[in-house]
Amino acid sequence: MITFGAKYINSATIQKVAFKDAKVTPSKVSFVELDPMNEKDLEAVYNIAGTWETPDLYPEMIHSYMSYCACEYNEDEGRNTKFYALTT
């Protein structure tokens, strides 16, 4: 289980596709805003990036940019960049 301190925005229903048979089912999710200044949010994104089974580097890139924004928080780019996620 992954815990984090993201700000809850709203719930939503999305269409989830199963890779093995391409079956589409509705799934309830929460739409949240991640805070790059929150250690739990950064740690959660880091853990997800480490376990996400994809050849793409998107999870690592998101964590890297969140870390950059935390370091540059006093600059406009760090302070004004928002990160959003869907959680189940």
PDB file of N, CA and C in Angstrom:
ATOM      1  N   MET A   1       0.842  -1.179   0.000  1.00  0.00           N
ATOM      2  CA  MET A   1       0.000   0.000   0.000  1.00  0.00           C
ATOM      3  C   MET A   1       0.886   1.241   0.000  1.00  0.00           C
ATOM      4  N   ILE A   2       0.503   2.219  -0.794  1.00  0.00           N
ATOM      5  CA  ILE A   2       1.245   3.470  -0.883  1.00  0.00           C
ATOM      6  C   ILE A   2       0.449   4.560  -0.189  1.00  0.00           C
ATOM      7  N   THR A   3       1.103   5.319   0.682  1.00  0.00           N
ATOM      8  CA  THR A   3       0.441   6.429   1.351  1.00  0.00           C
ATOM      9  C   THR A   3       1.097   7.731   0.943  1.00  0.00           C
ATOM     10  N   PHE A   4       0.296   8.770   0.872  1.00  0.00           N
ATOM     11  CA  PHE A   4       0.799  10.075   0.493  1.00  0.00           C
ATOM     12  C   PHE A   4      -0.150  11.139   1.010  1.00  0.00           C
ATOM     13  N   GLY A   5       0.240  12.386   0.897  1.00  0.00           N
ATOM     14  CA  GLY A   5      -0.550  13.484   1.451  1.00  0.00           C
ATOM     15  C   GLY A   5      -1.201  14.350   0.404  1.00  0.00           C
ATOM     16  N   ALA A   6      -1.477  13.815  -0.769  1.00  0.00           N
ATOM     17  CA  ALA A   6      -2.035  14.602  -1.859  1.00  0.00           C
ATOM     18  C   ALA A   6      -3.365  15.246  -1.473  1.00  0.00           C
ATOM     19  N   LYS A   7      -3.633  16.368  -2.111  1.00  0.00           N
ATOM     20  CA  LYS A   7      -4.880  17.099  -1.887  1.00  0.00           C
ATOM     21  C   LYS A   7      -5.984  16.486  -2.751  1.00  0.00           C
ATOM     22  N   TYR A   8      -7.037  16.003  -2.106  1.00  0.00           N
ATOM     23  CA  TYR A   8      -8.171  15.410  -2.818  1.00  0.00           C
ATOM     24  C   TYR A   8      -8.916  16.519  -3.560  1.00  0.00           C
ATOM     25  N   ILE A   9      -9.218  16.281  -4.836  1.00  0.00           N
ATOM     26  CA  ILE A   9      -9.964  17.257  -5.624  1.00  0.00           C
ATOM     27  C   ILE A   9     -11.393  16.783  -5.859  1.00  0.00           C
ATOM     28  N   ASN A  10     -11.527  15.568  -6.391  1.00  0.00           N
ATOM     29  CA  ASN A  10     -12.867  15.061  -6.687  1.00  0.00           C
ATOM     30  C   ASN A  10     -12.774  13.583  -7.043  1.00  0.00           C
ATOM     31  N   SER A  11     -13.910  12.909  -7.022  1.00  0.00           N
ATOM     32  CA  SER A  11     -13.953  11.519  -7.482  1.00  0.00           C
ATOM     33  C   SER A  11     -14.419  11.517  -8.940  1.00  0.00           C
ATOM     34  N   ALA A  12     -14.137  10.425  -9.612  1.00  0.00           N
ATOM     35  CA  ALA A  12     -14.514  10.291 -11.016  1.00  0.00           C
ATOM     36  C   ALA A  12     -14.671   8.824 -11.345  1.00  0.00           C
ATOM     37  N   THR A  13     -15.353   8.547 -12.434  1.00  0.00           N
ATOM     38  CA  THR A  13     -15.450   7.189 -12.954  1.00  0.00           C
ATOM     39  C   THR A  13     -14.766   7.188 -14.314  1.00  0.00           C
ATOM     40  N   ILE A  14     -13.826   6.268 -14.491  1.00  0.00           N
ATOM     41  CA  ILE A  14     -13.102   6.151 -15.752  1.00  0.00           C
ATOM     42  C   ILE A  14     -13.387   4.793 -16.378  1.00  0.00           C
ATOM     43  N   GLN A  15     -13.009   4.633 -17.618  1.00  0.00           N
ATOM     44  CA  GLN A  15     -13.124   3.346 -18.293  1.00  0.00           C
ATOM     45  C   GLN A  15     -11.765   2.655 -18.204  1.00  0.00           C
ATOM     46  N   LYS A  16     -11.721   1.529 -17.501  1.00  0.00           N
ATOM     47  CA  LYS A  16     -10.486   0.780 -17.303  1.00  0.00           C
ATOM     48  C   LYS A  16     -10.438  -0.379 -18.301  1.00  0.00           C
ATOM     49  N   VAL A  17      -9.310  -0.512 -19.002  1.00  0.00           N
ATOM     50  CA  VAL A  17      -9.148  -1.555 -20.008  1.00  0.00           C
ATOM     51  C   VAL A  17      -8.220  -2.633 -19.467  1.00  0.00           C
ATOM     52  N   ALA A  18      -8.672  -3.884 -19.499  1.00  0.00           N
ATOM     53  CA  ALA A  18      -7.837  -5.017 -19.099  1.00  0.00           C
ATOM     54  C   ALA A  18      -6.964  -5.403 -20.290  1.00  0.00           C
ATOM     55  N   PHE A  19      -5.657  -5.490 -20.066  1.00  0.00           N
ATOM     56  CA  PHE A  19      -4.736  -5.773 -21.164  1.00  0.00           C
ATOM     57  C   PHE A  19      -4.911  -7.179 -21.736  1.00  0.00           C
ATOM     58  N   LYS A  20      -5.249  -8.153 -20.891  1.00  0.00           N
ATOM     59  CA  LYS A  20      -5.289  -9.534 -21.377  1.00  0.00           C
ATOM     60  C   LYS A  20      -6.435  -9.798 -22.356  1.00  0.00           C
ATOM     61  N   ASP A  21      -7.591  -9.142 -22.155  1.00  0.00           N
ATOM     62  CA  ASP A  21      -8.720  -9.409 -23.046  1.00  0.00           C
ATOM     63  C   ASP A  21      -9.381  -8.143 -23.607  1.00  0.00           C
ATOM     64  N   ALA A  22      -8.809  -6.993 -23.325  1.00  0.00           N
ATOM     65  CA  ALA A  22      -9.311  -5.696 -23.803  1.00  0.00           C
ATOM     66  C   ALA A  22     -10.726  -5.395 -23.322  1.00  0.00           C
ATOM     67  N   LYS A  23     -11.138  -6.035 -22.239  1.00  0.00           N
ATOM     68  CA  LYS A  23     -12.453  -5.775 -21.668  1.00  0.00           C
ATOM     69  C   LYS A  23     -12.435  -4.418 -20.959  1.00  0.00           C
ATOM     70  N   VAL A  24     -13.469  -3.624 -21.189  1.00  0.00           N
ATOM     71  CA  VAL A  24     -13.573  -2.288 -20.605  1.00  0.00           C
ATOM     72  C   VAL A  24     -14.612  -2.321 -19.479  1.00  0.00           C
ATOM     73  N   THR A  25     -14.203  -1.840 -18.303  1.00  0.00           N
ATOM     74  CA  THR A  25     -15.109  -1.775 -17.163  1.00  0.00           C
ATOM     75  C   THR A  25     -14.996  -0.401 -16.499  1.00  0.00           C
ATOM     76  N   PRO A  26     -16.095   0.111 -15.962  1.00  0.00           N
ATOM     77  CA  PRO A  26     -16.011   1.373 -15.239  1.00  0.00           C
ATOM     78  C   PRO A  26     -15.257   1.180 -13.920  1.00  0.00           C
ATOM     79  N   SER A  27     -14.483   2.177 -13.535  1.00  0.00           N
ATOM     80  CA  SER A  27     -13.699   2.104 -12.306  1.00  0.00           C
ATOM     81  C   SER A  27     -13.739   3.462 -11.607  1.00  0.00           C
ATOM     82  N   LYS A  28     -13.990   3.435 -10.298  1.00  0.00           N
ATOM     83  CA  LYS A  28     -14.011   4.681  -9.531  1.00  0.00           C
ATOM     84  C   LYS A  28     -12.594   5.058  -9.123  1.00  0.00           C
ATOM     85  N   VAL A  29     -12.247   6.320  -9.294  1.00  0.00           N
ATOM     86  CA  VAL A  29     -10.925   6.827  -8.952  1.00  0.00           C
ATOM     87  C   VAL A  29     -11.078   8.159  -8.221  1.00  0.00           C
ATOM     88  N   SER A  30      -9.997   8.585  -7.601  1.00  0.00           N
ATOM     89  CA  SER A  30      -9.935   9.910  -6.998  1.00  0.00           C
ATOM     90  C   SER A  30      -8.950  10.749  -7.796  1.00  0.00           C
ATOM     91  N   PHE A  31      -9.321  11.983  -8.061  1.00  0.00           N
ATOM     92  CA  PHE A  31      -8.461  12.939  -8.745  1.00  0.00           C
ATOM     93  C   PHE A  31      -7.792  13.764  -7.658  1.00  0.00           C
ATOM     94  N   VAL A  32      -6.445  13.742  -7.600  1.00  0.00           N
ATOM     95  CA  VAL A  32      -5.714  14.403  -6.524  1.00  0.00           C
ATOM     96  C   VAL A  32      -4.619  15.304  -7.093  1.00  0.00           C
ATOM     97  N   GLU A  33      -4.204  16.284  -6.280  1.00  0.00           N
ATOM     98  CA  GLU A  33      -3.074  17.144  -6.626  1.00  0.00           C
ATOM     99  C   GLU A  33      -1.907  16.769  -5.732  1.00  0.00           C
ATOM    100  N   LEU A  34      -0.770  16.438  -6.352  1.00  0.00           N
ATOM    101  CA  LEU A  34       0.436  16.091  -5.615  1.00  0.00           C
ATOM    102  C   LEU A  34       1.243  17.358  -5.344  1.00  0.00           C
ATOM    103  N   ASP A  35       1.835  17.433  -4.161  1.00  0.00           N
ATOM    104  CA  ASP A  35       2.610  18.591  -3.751  1.00  0.00           C
ATOM    105  C   ASP A  35       4.094  18.240  -3.777  1.00  0.00           C
ATOM    106  N   PRO A  36       4.889  18.860  -4.647  1.00  0.00           N
ATOM    107  CA  PRO A  36       6.309  18.528  -4.699  1.00  0.00           C
ATOM    108  C   PRO A  36       7.058  18.886  -3.411  1.00  0.00           C
ATOM    109  N   MET A  37       6.484  19.711  -2.560  1.00  0.00           N
ATOM    110  CA  MET A  37       7.118  20.075  -1.297  1.00  0.00           C
ATOM    111  C   MET A  37       6.776  19.089  -0.177  1.00  0.00           C
ATOM    112  N   ASN A  38       5.878  18.149  -0.451  1.00  0.00           N
ATOM    113  CA  ASN A  38       5.458  17.165   0.542  1.00  0.00           C
ATOM    114  C   ASN A  38       6.309  15.899   0.377  1.00  0.00           C
ATOM    115  N   GLU A  39       7.074  15.545   1.404  1.00  0.00           N
ATOM    116  CA  GLU A  39       7.959  14.378   1.322  1.00  0.00           C
ATOM    117  C   GLU A  39       7.200  13.084   1.035  1.00  0.00           C
ATOM    118  N   LYS A  40       5.997  12.937   1.608  1.00  0.00           N
ATOM    119  CA  LYS A  40       5.221  11.712   1.374  1.00  0.00           C
ATOM    120  C   LYS A  40       4.779  11.609  -0.080  1.00  0.00           C
ATOM    121  N   ASP A  41       4.420  12.747  -0.685  1.00  0.00           N
ATOM    122  CA  ASP A  41       4.032  12.730  -2.096  1.00  0.00           C
ATOM    123  C   ASP A  41       5.225  12.360  -2.971  1.00  0.00           C
ATOM    124  N   LEU A  42       6.391  12.954  -2.695  1.00  0.00           N
ATOM    125  CA  LEU A  42       7.594  12.636  -3.462  1.00  0.00           C
ATOM    126  C   LEU A  42       7.976  11.164  -3.309  1.00  0.00           C
ATOM    127  N   GLU A  43       7.896  10.669  -2.083  1.00  0.00           N
ATOM    128  CA  GLU A  43       8.236   9.270  -1.828  1.00  0.00           C
ATOM    129  C   GLU A  43       7.257   8.328  -2.534  1.00  0.00           C
ATOM    130  N   ALA A  44       5.979   8.667  -2.524  1.00  0.00           N
ATOM    131  CA  ALA A  44       4.977   7.825  -3.194  1.00  0.00           C
ATOM    132  C   ALA A  44       5.246   7.764  -4.694  1.00  0.00           C
ATOM    133  N   VAL A  45       5.538   8.904  -5.312  1.00  0.00           N
ATOM    134  CA  VAL A  45       5.829   8.919  -6.750  1.00  0.00           C
ATOM    135  C   VAL A  45       7.117   8.146  -7.042  1.00  0.00           C
ATOM    136  N   TYR A  46       8.113   8.264  -6.170  1.00  0.00           N
ATOM    137  CA  TYR A  46       9.362   7.513  -6.321  1.00  0.00           C
ATOM    138  C   TYR A  46       9.099   6.002  -6.270  1.00  0.00           C
ATOM    139  N   ASN A  47       8.302   5.565  -5.288  1.00  0.00           N
ATOM    140  CA  ASN A  47       7.986   4.138  -5.152  1.00  0.00           C
ATOM    141  C   ASN A  47       7.205   3.618  -6.347  1.00  0.00           C
ATOM    142  N   ILE A  48       6.258   4.413  -6.828  1.00  0.00           N
ATOM    143  CA  ILE A  48       5.470   4.003  -7.994  1.00  0.00           C
ATOM    144  C   ILE A  48       6.373   3.894  -9.213  1.00  0.00           C
ATOM    145  N   ALA A  49       7.265   4.867  -9.394  1.00  0.00           N
ATOM    146  CA  ALA A  49       8.180   4.848 -10.537  1.00  0.00           C
ATOM    147  C   ALA A  49       9.043   3.589 -10.515  1.00  0.00           C
ATOM    148  N   GLY A  50       9.425   3.136  -9.320  1.00  0.00           N
ATOM    149  CA  GLY A  50      10.262   1.948  -9.205  1.00  0.00           C
ATOM    150  C   GLY A  50       9.542   0.650  -9.489  1.00  0.00           C
ATOM    151  N   THR A  51       8.226   0.638  -9.348  1.00  0.00           N
ATOM    152  CA  THR A  51       7.475  -0.601  -9.538  1.00  0.00           C
ATOM    153  C   THR A  51       6.645  -0.623 -10.818  1.00  0.00           C
ATOM    154  N   TRP A  52       6.544   0.504 -11.502  1.00  0.00           N
ATOM    155  CA  TRP A  52       5.744   0.587 -12.717  1.00  0.00           C
ATOM    156  C   TRP A  52       6.419  -0.219 -13.809  1.00  0.00           C
ATOM    157  N   GLU A  53       5.741  -1.230 -14.306  1.00  0.00           N
ATOM    158  CA  GLU A  53       6.314  -2.114 -15.315  1.00  0.00           C
ATOM    159  C   GLU A  53       6.035  -1.567 -16.705  1.00  0.00           C
ATOM    160  N   THR A  54       6.924  -0.693 -17.155  1.00  0.00           N
ATOM    161  CA  THR A  54       6.801  -0.110 -18.482  1.00  0.00           C
ATOM    162  C   THR A  54       8.197   0.181 -19.020  1.00  0.00           C
ATOM    163  N   PRO A  55       8.391   0.016 -20.314  1.00  0.00           N
ATOM    164  CA  PRO A  55       9.692   0.376 -20.880  1.00  0.00           C
ATOM    165  C   PRO A  55       9.881   1.895 -20.968  1.00  0.00           C
ATOM    166  N   ASP A  56       8.789   2.640 -20.864  1.00  0.00           N
ATOM    167  CA  ASP A  56       8.861   4.096 -20.921  1.00  0.00           C
ATOM    168  C   ASP A  56       9.396   4.647 -19.602  1.00  0.00           C
ATOM    169  N   LEU A  57       9.992   5.788 -19.655  1.00  0.00           N
ATOM    170  CA  LEU A  57      10.563   6.411 -18.456  1.00  0.00           C
ATOM    171  C   LEU A  57       9.652   7.466 -17.849  1.00  0.00           C
ATOM    172  N   TYR A  58       8.380   7.494 -18.230  1.00  0.00           N
ATOM    173  CA  TYR A  58       7.481   8.532 -17.738  1.00  0.00           C
ATOM    174  C   TYR A  58       7.386   8.599 -16.217  1.00  0.00           C
ATOM    175  N   PRO A  59       7.243   7.474 -15.510  1.00  0.00           N
ATOM    176  CA  PRO A  59       7.164   7.573 -14.048  1.00  0.00           C
ATOM    177  C   PRO A  59       8.420   8.200 -13.432  1.00  0.00           C
ATOM    178  N   GLU A  60       9.588   7.799 -13.924  1.00  0.00           N
ATOM    179  CA  GLU A  60      10.833   8.374 -13.408  1.00  0.00           C
ATOM    180  C   GLU A  60      10.950   9.848 -13.754  1.00  0.00           C
ATOM    181  N   MET A  61      10.489  10.223 -14.954  1.00  0.00           N
ATOM    182  CA  MET A  61      10.537  11.623 -15.368  1.00  0.00           C
ATOM    183  C   MET A  61       9.634  12.487 -14.485  1.00  0.00           C
ATOM    184  N   ILE A  62       8.467  11.972 -14.126  1.00  0.00           N
ATOM    185  CA  ILE A  62       7.552  12.719 -13.254  1.00  0.00           C
ATOM    186  C   ILE A  62       8.200  12.937 -11.894  1.00  0.00           C
ATOM    187  N   HIS A  63       8.778  11.882 -11.321  1.00  0.00           N
ATOM    188  CA  HIS A  63       9.444  12.024 -10.023  1.00  0.00           C
ATOM    189  C   HIS A  63      10.605  13.006 -10.111  1.00  0.00           C
ATOM    190  N   SER A  64      11.377  12.902 -11.163  1.00  0.00           N
ATOM    191  CA  SER A  64      12.523  13.789 -11.342  1.00  0.00           C
ATOM    192  C   SER A  64      12.079  15.253 -11.434  1.00  0.00           C
ATOM    193  N   TYR A  65      11.022  15.509 -12.172  1.00  0.00           N
ATOM    194  CA  TYR A  65      10.555  16.890 -12.313  1.00  0.00           C
ATOM    195  C   TYR A  65       9.926  17.398 -11.022  1.00  0.00           C
ATOM    196  N   MET A  66       9.214  16.517 -10.301  1.00  0.00           N
ATOM    197  CA  MET A  66       8.671  16.927  -8.996  1.00  0.00           C
ATOM    198  C   MET A  66       9.810  17.302  -8.045  1.00  0.00           C
ATOM    199  N   SER A  67      10.881  16.519  -8.042  1.00  0.00           N
ATOM    200  CA  SER A  67      12.040  16.809  -7.191  1.00  0.00           C
ATOM    201  C   SER A  67      12.680  18.131  -7.590  1.00  0.00           C
ATOM    202  N   TYR A  68      12.795  18.359  -8.886  1.00  0.00           N
ATOM    203  CA  TYR A  68      13.352  19.617  -9.386  1.00  0.00           C
ATOM    204  C   TYR A  68      12.503  20.804  -8.901  1.00  0.00           C
ATOM    205  N   CYS A  69      11.178  20.671  -9.008  1.00  0.00           N
ATOM    206  CA  CYS A  69      10.293  21.766  -8.582  1.00  0.00           C
ATOM    207  C   CYS A  69      10.403  22.014  -7.083  1.00  0.00           C
ATOM    208  N   ALA A  70      10.619  20.961  -6.309  1.00  0.00           N
ATOM    209  CA  ALA A  70      10.800  21.125  -4.865  1.00  0.00           C
ATOM    210  C   ALA A  70      12.067  21.921  -4.578  1.00  0.00           C
ATOM    211  N   CYS A  71      13.129  21.640  -5.340  1.00  0.00           N
ATOM    212  CA  CYS A  71      14.400  22.356  -5.147  1.00  0.00           C
ATOM    213  C   CYS A  71      14.310  23.795  -5.629  1.00  0.00           C
ATOM    214  N   GLU A  72      13.502  24.032  -6.645  1.00  0.00           N
ATOM    215  CA  GLU A  72      13.380  25.361  -7.235  1.00  0.00           C
ATOM    216  C   GLU A  72      12.078  26.042  -6.811  1.00  0.00           C
ATOM    217  N   TYR A  73      11.571  25.699  -5.615  1.00  0.00           N
ATOM    218  CA  TYR A  73      10.249  26.172  -5.209  1.00  0.00           C
ATOM    219  C   TYR A  73      10.151  27.695  -5.149  1.00  0.00           C
ATOM    220  N   ASN A  74      11.216  28.367  -4.844  1.00  0.00           N
ATOM    221  CA  ASN A  74      11.164  29.822  -4.755  1.00  0.00           C
ATOM    222  C   ASN A  74      11.202  30.497  -6.124  1.00  0.00           C
ATOM    223  N   GLU A  75      11.439  29.732  -7.161  1.00  0.00           N
ATOM    224  CA  GLU A  75      11.389  30.252  -8.527  1.00  0.00           C
ATOM    225  C   GLU A  75       9.976  30.038  -9.075  1.00  0.00           C
ATOM    226  N   ASP A  76       9.573  30.833 -10.053  1.00  0.00           N
ATOM    227  CA  ASP A  76       8.222  30.736 -10.614  1.00  0.00           C
ATOM    228  C   ASP A  76       7.895  29.340 -11.116  1.00  0.00           C
ATOM    229  N   GLU A  77       8.845  28.697 -11.802  1.00  0.00           N
ATOM    230  CA  GLU A  77       8.578  27.373 -12.362  1.00  0.00           C
ATOM    231  C   GLU A  77       8.253  26.362 -11.277  1.00  0.00           C
ATOM    232  N   GLY A  78       9.024  26.347 -10.203  1.00  0.00           N
ATOM    233  CA  GLY A  78       8.779  25.392  -9.124  1.00  0.00           C
ATOM    234  C   GLY A  78       7.504  25.664  -8.368  1.00  0.00           C
ATOM    235  N   ARG A  79       7.222  26.915  -8.125  1.00  0.00           N
ATOM    236  CA  ARG A  79       6.054  27.289  -7.334  1.00  0.00           C
ATOM    237  C   ARG A  79       4.754  27.137  -8.119  1.00  0.00           C
ATOM    238  N   ASN A  80       4.806  27.353  -9.426  1.00  0.00           N
ATOM    239  CA  ASN A  80       3.584  27.370 -10.226  1.00  0.00           C
ATOM    240  C   ASN A  80       3.291  26.071 -10.967  1.00  0.00           C
ATOM    241  N   THR A  81       4.152  25.069 -10.841  1.00  0.00           N
ATOM    242  CA  THR A  81       3.926  23.797 -11.524  1.00  0.00           C
ATOM    243  C   THR A  81       3.047  22.906 -10.654  1.00  0.00           C
ATOM    244  N   LYS A  82       1.994  22.359 -11.253  1.00  0.00           N
ATOM    245  CA  LYS A  82       1.056  21.483 -10.545  1.00  0.00           C
ATOM    246  C   LYS A  82       1.189  20.055 -11.065  1.00  0.00           C
ATOM    247  N   PHE A  83       1.014  19.084 -10.186  1.00  0.00           N
ATOM    248  CA  PHE A  83       1.046  17.674 -10.546  1.00  0.00           C
ATOM    249  C   PHE A  83      -0.263  17.031 -10.111  1.00  0.00           C
ATOM    250  N   TYR A  84      -0.901  16.328 -11.018  1.00  0.00           N
ATOM    251  CA  TYR A  84      -2.179  15.694 -10.731  1.00  0.00           C
ATOM    252  C   TYR A  84      -2.077  14.188 -10.993  1.00  0.00           C
ATOM    253  N   ALA A  85      -2.914  13.423 -10.287  1.00  0.00           N
ATOM    254  CA  ALA A  85      -2.908  11.969 -10.462  1.00  0.00           C
ATOM    255  C   ALA A  85      -4.309  11.412 -10.246  1.00  0.00           C
ATOM    256  N   LEU A  86      -4.525  10.239 -10.813  1.00  0.00           N
ATOM    257  CA  LEU A  86      -5.733   9.451 -10.549  1.00  0.00           C
ATOM    258  C   LEU A  86      -5.306   8.300  -9.657  1.00  0.00           C
ATOM    259  N   THR A  87      -6.055   8.056  -8.582  1.00  0.00           N
ATOM    260  CA  THR A  87      -5.740   6.969  -7.669  1.00  0.00           C
ATOM    261  C   THR A  87      -6.946   6.054  -7.504  1.00  0.00           C
ATOM    262  N   THR A  88      -6.665   4.814  -7.149  1.00  0.00           N
ATOM    263  CA  THR A  88      -7.761   3.877  -6.863  1.00  0.00           C
ATOM    264  C   THR A  88      -7.691   3.457  -5.424  1.00  0.00           C
TER     265      THR A  88
END
